[in-house]
């Protein structure tokens, strides 16, 4: 099931997404016309996803929960839409964020996470 999240619910829904999925292993992909689709990271645990409405940006934080030695933060300026993909079992499978110039960032949650 694909679910588009209304902008006025991004703060609350991304917090709920984080609470449900913190610690799950992820794959983050970037897809933009200029570069095509590329995997940006693989197998980092999810630390959190948040929307700052004042700055108009979404932050995706990945990395080991007990340390800051291994971490990645992806900041998405000017997000246009946020979609959540859930499997038939109701478990979150991916978060898709569309942003400027027909680009998108996809955060897939691995099954074993």
N, C-alpha and C. Protein backbone atom coordinates (compact mmCIF):
# COMPACT_ATOMS: atom_id res chain seq x y z
N UNK A 1 0.84 -1.17 0.00
CA UNK A 1 0.00 0.00 0.00
C UNK A 1 0.90 1.24 0.00
N UNK A 2 0.62 2.16 -0.91
CA UNK A 2 1.36 3.40 -1.04
C UNK A 2 0.51 4.51 -0.42
N UNK A 3 1.12 5.33 0.41
CA UNK A 3 0.38 6.33 1.14
C UNK A 3 1.10 7.66 1.06
N UNK A 4 0.47 8.66 0.47
CA UNK A 4 1.03 10.00 0.39
C UNK A 4 0.70 10.74 1.68
N UNK A 5 1.71 11.34 2.28
CA UNK A 5 1.52 12.05 3.56
C UNK A 5 1.32 13.53 3.27
N UNK A 6 0.19 14.11 3.71
CA UNK A 6 -0.03 15.55 3.51
C UNK A 6 1.05 16.37 4.25
N UNK A 7 1.46 17.47 3.65
CA UNK A 7 2.54 18.30 4.20
C UNK A 7 2.27 18.71 5.64
N UNK A 8 1.03 19.02 5.98
CA UNK A 8 0.74 19.48 7.34
C UNK A 8 0.85 18.36 8.38
N UNK A 9 1.10 17.12 7.92
CA UNK A 9 1.28 15.99 8.82
C UNK A 9 2.71 15.44 8.82
N UNK A 10 3.61 16.06 8.06
CA UNK A 10 4.98 15.55 7.96
C UNK A 10 5.67 15.42 9.31
N UNK A 11 5.58 16.42 10.15
CA UNK A 11 6.27 16.38 11.46
C UNK A 11 5.81 15.17 12.25
N UNK A 12 4.51 15.02 12.42
CA UNK A 12 3.97 13.92 13.23
C UNK A 12 4.20 12.56 12.59
N UNK A 13 3.95 12.44 11.29
CA UNK A 13 4.07 11.13 10.62
C UNK A 13 5.52 10.66 10.54
N UNK A 14 6.46 11.58 10.33
CA UNK A 14 7.87 11.18 10.30
C UNK A 14 8.36 10.79 11.69
N UNK A 15 7.83 11.43 12.73
CA UNK A 15 8.16 11.02 14.09
C UNK A 15 7.62 9.61 14.36
N UNK A 16 6.41 9.33 13.94
CA UNK A 16 5.83 7.99 14.10
C UNK A 16 6.63 6.96 13.30
N UNK A 17 7.03 7.31 12.07
CA UNK A 17 7.85 6.44 11.24
C UNK A 17 9.15 6.10 11.97
N UNK A 18 9.79 7.12 12.54
CA UNK A 18 11.03 6.90 13.30
C UNK A 18 10.79 5.97 14.49
N UNK A 19 9.74 6.22 15.24
CA UNK A 19 9.45 5.39 16.42
C UNK A 19 9.21 3.93 16.05
N UNK A 20 8.56 3.69 14.91
CA UNK A 20 8.29 2.31 14.47
C UNK A 20 9.52 1.61 13.94
N UNK A 21 10.46 2.37 13.37
CA UNK A 21 11.53 1.75 12.58
C UNK A 21 12.95 2.03 13.05
N UNK A 22 13.14 2.78 14.12
CA UNK A 22 14.49 3.07 14.60
C UNK A 22 15.25 1.77 14.83
N UNK A 23 16.48 1.73 14.31
CA UNK A 23 17.32 0.55 14.46
C UNK A 23 17.24 -0.41 13.29
N UNK A 24 16.21 -0.29 12.46
CA UNK A 24 16.11 -1.18 11.28
C UNK A 24 17.18 -0.82 10.27
N UNK A 25 17.72 -1.81 9.60
CA UNK A 25 18.74 -1.61 8.57
C UNK A 25 18.09 -1.02 7.32
N UNK A 26 18.86 -0.19 6.61
CA UNK A 26 18.31 0.56 5.49
C UNK A 26 19.20 0.50 4.25
N UNK A 27 18.61 0.91 3.14
CA UNK A 27 19.33 1.22 1.91
C UNK A 27 18.79 2.57 1.46
N UNK A 28 19.67 3.54 1.20
CA UNK A 28 19.24 4.85 0.73
C UNK A 28 19.69 5.03 -0.71
N UNK A 29 18.73 5.40 -1.56
CA UNK A 29 19.00 5.60 -2.98
C UNK A 29 18.63 7.02 -3.38
N UNK A 30 19.41 7.57 -4.28
CA UNK A 30 19.12 8.87 -4.88
C UNK A 30 18.82 8.63 -6.35
N UNK A 31 17.81 9.30 -6.86
CA UNK A 31 17.45 9.18 -8.26
C UNK A 31 17.20 10.58 -8.79
N UNK A 32 18.05 11.01 -9.73
CA UNK A 32 17.93 12.35 -10.31
C UNK A 32 18.24 12.24 -11.80
N UNK A 33 17.57 13.02 -12.63
CA UNK A 33 17.80 12.95 -14.08
C UNK A 33 19.27 13.13 -14.46
N UNK A 34 19.99 13.99 -13.77
CA UNK A 34 21.38 14.27 -14.13
C UNK A 34 22.33 13.10 -13.84
N UNK A 35 21.99 12.26 -12.85
CA UNK A 35 22.93 11.20 -12.47
C UNK A 35 22.32 9.81 -12.52
N UNK A 36 21.01 9.70 -12.68
CA UNK A 36 20.36 8.40 -12.65
C UNK A 36 20.18 7.93 -11.23
N UNK A 37 19.84 6.66 -11.07
CA UNK A 37 19.64 6.09 -9.74
C UNK A 37 20.96 5.55 -9.21
N UNK A 38 21.26 5.90 -7.94
CA UNK A 38 22.49 5.44 -7.31
C UNK A 38 22.23 5.09 -5.86
N UNK A 39 22.81 4.00 -5.42
CA UNK A 39 22.74 3.63 -4.01
C UNK A 39 23.76 4.47 -3.25
N UNK A 40 23.27 5.20 -2.22
CA UNK A 40 24.14 6.09 -1.46
C UNK A 40 24.67 5.45 -0.18
N UNK A 41 23.93 4.51 0.35
CA UNK A 41 24.38 3.77 1.53
C UNK A 41 23.64 2.45 1.58
N UNK A 42 24.22 1.51 2.31
CA UNK A 42 23.63 0.19 2.44
C UNK A 42 23.92 -0.35 3.84
N UNK A 43 22.88 -0.81 4.50
CA UNK A 43 23.00 -1.53 5.77
C UNK A 43 23.30 -0.65 6.98
N UNK A 44 22.98 0.64 6.90
CA UNK A 44 23.08 1.50 8.08
C UNK A 44 21.75 1.42 8.83
N UNK A 45 21.76 1.39 10.16
CA UNK A 45 20.51 1.42 10.92
C UNK A 45 19.89 2.83 10.89
N UNK A 46 18.57 2.86 10.91
CA UNK A 46 17.85 4.12 10.95
C UNK A 46 17.94 4.72 12.35
N UNK A 47 18.35 5.97 12.41
CA UNK A 47 18.32 6.73 13.67
C UNK A 47 17.10 7.62 13.73
N UNK A 48 16.72 8.20 12.59
CA UNK A 48 15.54 9.04 12.60
C UNK A 48 15.33 9.80 11.31
N UNK A 49 14.08 10.24 11.11
CA UNK A 49 13.71 11.10 9.99
C UNK A 49 12.87 12.23 10.58
N UNK A 50 13.19 13.47 10.21
CA UNK A 50 12.43 14.60 10.75
C UNK A 50 12.25 15.67 9.69
N UNK A 51 11.19 16.46 9.89
CA UNK A 51 10.91 17.60 9.02
C UNK A 51 10.96 18.86 9.85
N UNK A 52 11.77 19.83 9.40
CA UNK A 52 11.85 21.13 10.04
C UNK A 52 11.08 22.11 9.16
N UNK A 53 9.87 22.46 9.57
CA UNK A 53 9.03 23.33 8.74
C UNK A 53 9.57 24.76 8.66
N UNK A 54 10.34 25.20 9.64
CA UNK A 54 10.91 26.56 9.59
C UNK A 54 11.97 26.66 8.49
N UNK A 55 12.82 25.64 8.39
CA UNK A 55 13.88 25.63 7.38
C UNK A 55 13.43 24.96 6.08
N UNK A 56 12.27 24.30 6.11
CA UNK A 56 11.75 23.63 4.92
C UNK A 56 12.64 22.49 4.44
N UNK A 57 13.06 21.65 5.39
CA UNK A 57 13.94 20.54 5.00
C UNK A 57 13.60 19.27 5.79
N UNK A 58 13.97 18.15 5.19
CA UNK A 58 13.84 16.85 5.84
C UNK A 58 15.24 16.31 6.07
N UNK A 59 15.50 15.80 7.28
CA UNK A 59 16.78 15.16 7.60
C UNK A 59 16.55 13.68 7.82
N UNK A 60 17.39 12.87 7.17
CA UNK A 60 17.41 11.42 7.39
C UNK A 60 18.72 11.11 8.09
N UNK A 61 18.63 10.57 9.31
CA UNK A 61 19.83 10.25 10.08
C UNK A 61 19.97 8.73 10.18
N UNK A 62 21.13 8.24 9.76
CA UNK A 62 21.42 6.82 9.78
C UNK A 62 22.73 6.58 10.52
N UNK A 63 22.84 5.44 11.18
CA UNK A 63 24.10 5.09 11.83
C UNK A 63 23.90 4.27 13.07
N UNK A 64 25.01 3.79 13.59
CA UNK A 64 24.98 2.97 14.79
C UNK A 64 24.41 3.77 15.95
N UNK A 65 23.51 3.17 16.70
CA UNK A 65 22.81 3.86 17.78
C UNK A 65 23.73 4.21 18.95
N UNK A 66 24.73 3.38 19.22
CA UNK A 66 25.58 3.57 20.39
C UNK A 66 26.82 4.42 20.11
N UNK A 67 27.00 4.85 18.86
CA UNK A 67 28.22 5.56 18.51
C UNK A 67 27.95 6.54 17.37
N UNK A 68 28.79 7.56 17.27
CA UNK A 68 28.70 8.48 16.14
C UNK A 68 29.84 8.23 15.15
N UNK A 69 30.60 7.15 15.36
CA UNK A 69 31.72 6.85 14.47
C UNK A 69 31.26 6.53 13.05
N UNK A 70 30.15 5.85 12.94
CA UNK A 70 29.65 5.42 11.64
C UNK A 70 28.24 5.98 11.47
N UNK A 71 28.14 7.11 10.73
CA UNK A 71 26.83 7.72 10.55
C UNK A 71 26.76 8.49 9.24
N UNK A 72 25.53 8.70 8.78
CA UNK A 72 25.25 9.47 7.57
C UNK A 72 24.03 10.33 7.86
N UNK A 73 24.07 11.58 7.47
CA UNK A 73 22.88 12.43 7.53
C UNK A 73 22.64 12.97 6.13
N UNK A 74 21.43 12.77 5.64
CA UNK A 74 21.04 13.29 4.33
C UNK A 74 20.01 14.38 4.56
N UNK A 75 20.34 15.59 4.16
CA UNK A 75 19.42 16.72 4.28
C UNK A 75 18.81 16.99 2.91
N UNK A 76 17.48 17.04 2.89
CA UNK A 76 16.75 17.28 1.66
C UNK A 76 16.08 18.64 1.77
N UNK A 77 16.60 19.60 1.02
CA UNK A 77 16.02 20.93 1.00
C UNK A 77 14.84 20.96 0.03
N UNK A 78 13.85 21.75 0.36
CA UNK A 78 12.68 21.96 -0.49
C UNK A 78 11.98 20.67 -0.91
N UNK A 79 11.64 19.80 0.04
CA UNK A 79 10.91 18.59 -0.33
C UNK A 79 9.54 18.94 -0.89
N UNK A 80 9.11 18.16 -1.89
CA UNK A 80 7.83 18.41 -2.54
C UNK A 80 6.74 17.46 -2.07
N UNK A 81 7.12 16.21 -1.82
CA UNK A 81 6.14 15.23 -1.35
C UNK A 81 6.85 14.12 -0.57
N UNK A 82 6.08 13.46 0.30
CA UNK A 82 6.58 12.34 1.10
C UNK A 82 5.57 11.22 0.96
N UNK A 83 6.05 10.05 0.56
CA UNK A 83 5.21 8.88 0.40
C UNK A 83 5.76 7.73 1.23
N UNK A 84 4.87 6.97 1.81
CA UNK A 84 5.22 5.80 2.61
C UNK A 84 4.70 4.56 1.92
N UNK A 85 5.55 3.56 1.76
CA UNK A 85 5.15 2.29 1.18
C UNK A 85 5.14 1.24 2.28
N UNK A 86 3.99 0.59 2.43
CA UNK A 86 3.85 -0.48 3.41
C UNK A 86 3.56 -1.79 2.70
N UNK A 87 4.04 -2.87 3.27
CA UNK A 87 3.80 -4.18 2.71
C UNK A 87 2.42 -4.70 3.08
N UNK A 88 2.04 -5.86 2.54
CA UNK A 88 0.73 -6.45 2.83
C UNK A 88 0.54 -6.74 4.32
N UNK A 89 1.66 -6.91 5.04
CA UNK A 89 1.58 -7.18 6.47
C UNK A 89 1.45 -5.89 7.29
N UNK A 90 1.45 -4.72 6.61
CA UNK A 90 1.31 -3.44 7.30
C UNK A 90 2.63 -2.85 7.77
N UNK A 91 3.72 -3.58 7.57
CA UNK A 91 5.03 -3.11 7.99
C UNK A 91 5.61 -2.14 6.97
N UNK A 92 6.24 -1.06 7.46
CA UNK A 92 6.86 -0.07 6.57
C UNK A 92 7.94 -0.73 5.73
N UNK A 93 7.94 -0.41 4.42
CA UNK A 93 8.96 -0.94 3.51
C UNK A 93 9.88 0.16 2.97
N UNK A 94 9.32 1.35 2.73
CA UNK A 94 10.14 2.43 2.15
C UNK A 94 9.50 3.78 2.38
N UNK A 95 10.36 4.79 2.36
CA UNK A 95 9.93 6.18 2.44
C UNK A 95 10.51 6.86 1.20
N UNK A 96 9.65 7.53 0.43
CA UNK A 96 10.10 8.22 -0.78
C UNK A 96 9.86 9.72 -0.61
N UNK A 97 10.91 10.50 -0.84
CA UNK A 97 10.82 11.94 -0.73
C UNK A 97 11.17 12.53 -2.09
N UNK A 98 10.20 13.19 -2.69
CA UNK A 98 10.45 13.86 -3.97
C UNK A 98 10.89 15.28 -3.67
N UNK A 99 11.88 15.74 -4.44
CA UNK A 99 12.38 17.09 -4.22
C UNK A 99 12.70 17.74 -5.55
N UNK A 100 13.39 18.85 -5.52
CA UNK A 100 13.61 19.71 -6.68
C UNK A 100 14.21 18.98 -7.89
N UNK A 101 13.90 19.52 -9.07
CA UNK A 101 14.45 19.05 -10.34
C UNK A 101 14.16 17.58 -10.61
N UNK A 102 12.95 17.13 -10.29
CA UNK A 102 12.50 15.76 -10.55
C UNK A 102 13.36 14.70 -9.87
N UNK A 103 14.00 15.05 -8.77
CA UNK A 103 14.83 14.10 -8.02
C UNK A 103 14.01 13.48 -6.89
N UNK A 104 14.47 12.33 -6.43
CA UNK A 104 13.85 11.70 -5.27
C UNK A 104 14.89 10.94 -4.47
N UNK A 105 14.64 10.86 -3.18
CA UNK A 105 15.44 10.06 -2.27
C UNK A 105 14.52 8.96 -1.76
N UNK A 106 15.00 7.71 -1.84
CA UNK A 106 14.21 6.57 -1.38
C UNK A 106 14.99 5.88 -0.27
N UNK A 107 14.34 5.74 0.87
CA UNK A 107 14.92 5.02 2.00
C UNK A 107 14.17 3.70 2.13
N UNK A 108 14.84 2.61 1.76
CA UNK A 108 14.21 1.28 1.87
C UNK A 108 14.61 0.65 3.20
N UNK A 109 13.66 0.02 3.83
CA UNK A 109 13.89 -0.68 5.10
C UNK A 109 14.05 -2.17 4.80
N UNK A 110 15.13 -2.73 5.24
CA UNK A 110 15.41 -4.14 4.94
C UNK A 110 14.55 -5.06 5.80
N UNK A 111 14.15 -6.19 5.25
CA UNK A 111 13.25 -7.13 5.92
C UNK A 111 13.84 -7.67 7.21
N UNK A 112 15.13 -7.90 7.22
CA UNK A 112 15.74 -8.52 8.41
C UNK A 112 16.01 -7.52 9.52
N UNK A 113 15.65 -6.26 9.28
CA UNK A 113 15.92 -5.20 10.27
C UNK A 113 14.85 -5.11 11.30
